[in-house]
Every structure is written in structure tokens, then in C-alpha cells.
Amino acid sequence: MQAIDCSVLTVFAFVMAYVWFKISDKITPIRVSKETELEGLDGPEMGALAYPDFSVHTGPRVLG
């Protein structure tokens, strides 16, 4: 009975968290745009760049 109770509680918590975050995402998006994610969040959130000399390369990667 205790294992069933833990399983039911786990499923219930997951479903409720999933519904909560889906509703929250519709009201205010949780993730930032892909461009902002690639640029980094230092500028938009803090107003300053943490690593100004670091450049992001968005082109194709060459393995070799």
C-alpha cells in the first residue's frame, strides 16, 4: 500500500507540475528566444556582459 501511495503521489505531482508550467508558459513565456539564448542572458538580465572577449560561433561545426 505504501509503494502504491508513493507511486500515485509521484504521478499526481508530475501531472500537476506539468499543467502548472504549461499554464504559466501561456501567460508569461518561461524560455527566452533562441537568439537571446545564443547571445547569452548577461546583457538582458544584468545589463553587463560577464565575458566580453568571448565570442559565440553559430556557424557549422567542423569535426576533425
N, C-alpha and C. Protein backbone atom coordinates (compact mmCIF):
# COMPACT_ATOMS: atom_id res chain seq x y z
N MET A 1 0.82 -1.19 0.00
CA MET A 1 0.00 0.00 0.00
C MET A 1 0.87 1.26 0.00
N GLN A 2 1.95 1.22 0.74
CA GLN A 2 2.80 2.40 0.81
C GLN A 2 3.49 2.65 -0.53
N ALA A 3 3.89 1.60 -1.25
CA ALA A 3 4.50 1.76 -2.57
C ALA A 3 3.49 2.30 -3.56
N ILE A 4 2.27 1.84 -3.49
CA ILE A 4 1.21 2.36 -4.37
C ILE A 4 0.96 3.83 -4.05
N ASP A 5 0.92 4.15 -2.77
CA ASP A 5 0.71 5.54 -2.36
C ASP A 5 1.82 6.44 -2.88
N CYS A 6 3.06 6.01 -2.79
CA CYS A 6 4.19 6.80 -3.29
C CYS A 6 4.11 6.96 -4.81
N SER A 7 3.71 5.90 -5.49
CA SER A 7 3.59 5.96 -6.95
C SER A 7 2.50 6.93 -7.37
N VAL A 8 1.35 6.84 -6.71
CA VAL A 8 0.24 7.74 -7.02
C VAL A 8 0.63 9.19 -6.73
N LEU A 9 1.28 9.43 -5.64
CA LEU A 9 1.71 10.77 -5.29
C LEU A 9 2.71 11.31 -6.30
N THR A 10 3.64 10.48 -6.76
CA THR A 10 4.63 10.90 -7.75
C THR A 10 3.97 11.27 -9.08
N VAL A 11 3.06 10.42 -9.52
CA VAL A 11 2.34 10.70 -10.78
C VAL A 11 1.51 11.96 -10.64
N PHE A 12 0.80 12.10 -9.54
CA PHE A 12 -0.02 13.28 -9.31
C PHE A 12 0.84 14.56 -9.30
N ALA A 13 1.97 14.52 -8.60
CA ALA A 13 2.85 15.69 -8.53
C ALA A 13 3.39 16.05 -9.91
N PHE A 14 3.79 15.06 -10.70
CA PHE A 14 4.30 15.32 -12.04
C PHE A 14 3.22 15.94 -12.91
N VAL A 15 2.02 15.37 -12.89
CA VAL A 15 0.93 15.89 -13.73
C VAL A 15 0.57 17.32 -13.32
N MET A 16 0.47 17.58 -12.04
CA MET A 16 0.11 18.92 -11.58
C MET A 16 1.21 19.94 -11.92
N ALA A 17 2.47 19.55 -11.77
CA ALA A 17 3.57 20.46 -12.13
C ALA A 17 3.56 20.72 -13.63
N TYR A 18 3.32 19.69 -14.42
CA TYR A 18 3.27 19.85 -15.87
C TYR A 18 2.15 20.81 -16.28
N VAL A 19 0.97 20.63 -15.71
CA VAL A 19 -0.16 21.52 -16.01
C VAL A 19 0.16 22.95 -15.55
N TRP A 20 0.72 23.08 -14.37
CA TRP A 20 1.05 24.42 -13.85
C TRP A 20 2.03 25.15 -14.76
N PHE A 21 3.09 24.46 -15.21
CA PHE A 21 4.07 25.12 -16.05
C PHE A 21 3.53 25.39 -17.44
N LYS A 22 2.65 24.54 -17.97
CA LYS A 22 2.02 24.81 -19.27
C LYS A 22 1.15 26.07 -19.19
N ILE A 23 0.36 26.19 -18.14
CA ILE A 23 -0.47 27.38 -17.97
C ILE A 23 0.40 28.61 -17.76
N SER A 24 1.43 28.48 -16.94
CA SER A 24 2.34 29.59 -16.69
C SER A 24 3.06 30.03 -17.96
N ASP A 25 3.42 29.06 -18.81
CA ASP A 25 4.10 29.37 -20.07
C ASP A 25 3.18 30.12 -21.02
N LYS A 26 1.89 29.85 -20.98
CA LYS A 26 0.94 30.56 -21.84
C LYS A 26 0.77 32.01 -21.39
N ILE A 27 0.84 32.24 -20.08
CA ILE A 27 0.68 33.59 -19.55
C ILE A 27 1.96 34.40 -19.77
N THR A 28 3.07 33.88 -19.32
CA THR A 28 4.38 34.51 -19.49
C THR A 28 5.35 33.44 -19.93
N PRO A 29 5.92 33.55 -21.15
CA PRO A 29 6.83 32.51 -21.62
C PRO A 29 7.98 32.27 -20.65
N ILE A 30 8.26 30.99 -20.42
CA ILE A 30 9.30 30.61 -19.47
C ILE A 30 10.68 30.72 -20.12
N ARG A 31 10.78 30.34 -21.39
CA ARG A 31 12.08 30.37 -22.08
C ARG A 31 12.24 31.65 -22.88
N VAL A 32 13.47 32.03 -23.10
CA VAL A 32 13.77 33.18 -23.94
C VAL A 32 13.88 32.72 -25.39
N SER A 33 13.98 33.68 -26.31
CA SER A 33 14.09 33.32 -27.72
C SER A 33 15.44 32.64 -27.98
N LYS A 34 15.53 31.94 -29.11
CA LYS A 34 16.76 31.22 -29.44
C LYS A 34 17.93 32.20 -29.63
N GLU A 35 17.64 33.36 -30.24
CA GLU A 35 18.69 34.35 -30.45
C GLU A 35 19.23 34.88 -29.12
N THR A 36 18.34 35.17 -28.19
CA THR A 36 18.78 35.66 -26.88
C THR A 36 19.54 34.59 -26.13
N GLU A 37 19.13 33.34 -26.28
CA GLU A 37 19.82 32.24 -25.61
C GLU A 37 21.24 32.09 -26.14
N LEU A 38 21.41 32.25 -27.46
CA LEU A 38 22.74 32.15 -28.05
C LEU A 38 23.63 33.32 -27.67
N GLU A 39 23.04 34.52 -27.59
CA GLU A 39 23.81 35.70 -27.21
C GLU A 39 24.19 35.67 -25.74
N GLY A 40 23.36 35.03 -24.94
CA GLY A 40 23.59 34.99 -23.50
C GLY A 40 22.64 35.93 -22.79
N LEU A 41 22.39 35.66 -21.53
CA LEU A 41 21.44 36.44 -20.76
C LEU A 41 22.09 37.49 -19.88
N ASP A 42 23.42 37.60 -19.96
CA ASP A 42 24.09 38.60 -19.13
C ASP A 42 23.60 40.01 -19.45
N GLY A 43 23.56 40.36 -20.71
CA GLY A 43 23.13 41.69 -21.12
C GLY A 43 21.68 41.98 -20.77
N PRO A 44 20.73 41.16 -21.24
CA PRO A 44 19.32 41.44 -20.96
C PRO A 44 18.95 41.39 -19.47
N GLU A 45 19.56 40.50 -18.71
CA GLU A 45 19.16 40.37 -17.31
C GLU A 45 19.99 41.22 -16.35
N MET A 46 21.29 41.34 -16.61
CA MET A 46 22.17 42.04 -15.67
C MET A 46 22.60 43.42 -16.17
N GLY A 47 22.51 43.65 -17.48
CA GLY A 47 22.90 44.94 -18.02
C GLY A 47 24.39 45.04 -18.31
N ALA A 48 25.13 43.96 -18.14
CA ALA A 48 26.57 43.96 -18.41
C ALA A 48 26.96 42.57 -18.89
N LEU A 49 28.03 42.50 -19.66
CA LEU A 49 28.50 41.21 -20.13
C LEU A 49 29.53 40.64 -19.18
N ALA A 50 29.39 39.38 -18.83
CA ALA A 50 30.31 38.74 -17.91
C ALA A 50 31.64 38.43 -18.59
N TYR A 51 31.60 38.01 -19.86
CA TYR A 51 32.80 37.67 -20.60
C TYR A 51 32.79 38.42 -21.93
N PRO A 52 33.18 39.70 -21.94
CA PRO A 52 33.09 40.50 -23.16
C PRO A 52 34.01 40.01 -24.28
N ASP A 53 35.08 39.29 -23.97
CA ASP A 53 36.00 38.81 -25.01
C ASP A 53 35.58 37.48 -25.61
N PHE A 54 34.57 36.85 -25.04
CA PHE A 54 34.10 35.54 -25.51
C PHE A 54 33.16 35.74 -26.69
N SER A 55 33.46 35.07 -27.81
CA SER A 55 32.58 35.20 -28.97
C SER A 55 31.88 33.87 -29.23
N VAL A 56 30.64 33.97 -29.68
CA VAL A 56 29.85 32.79 -29.95
C VAL A 56 29.91 32.53 -31.45
N HIS A 57 30.29 31.31 -31.81
CA HIS A 57 30.35 30.93 -33.21
C HIS A 57 29.09 30.11 -33.51
N THR A 58 28.22 30.64 -34.38
CA THR A 58 26.94 29.98 -34.65
C THR A 58 26.95 29.23 -35.98
N GLY A 59 28.07 29.19 -36.68
CA GLY A 59 28.14 28.51 -37.96
C GLY A 59 28.27 27.01 -37.79
N PRO A 60 28.40 26.28 -38.90
CA PRO A 60 28.52 24.82 -38.80
C PRO A 60 29.83 24.42 -38.13
N ARG A 61 29.78 23.34 -37.37
CA ARG A 61 30.97 22.85 -36.68
C ARG A 61 31.69 21.87 -37.57
N VAL A 62 32.99 21.98 -37.58
CA VAL A 62 33.80 21.07 -38.36
C VAL A 62 34.51 20.12 -37.39
N LEU A 63 34.25 18.86 -37.54
CA LEU A 63 34.88 17.88 -36.67
C LEU A 63 36.10 17.29 -37.40
N GLY A 64 37.16 17.15 -36.72
CA GLY A 64 38.29 16.57 -37.41
C GLY A 64 39.48 16.62 -36.61
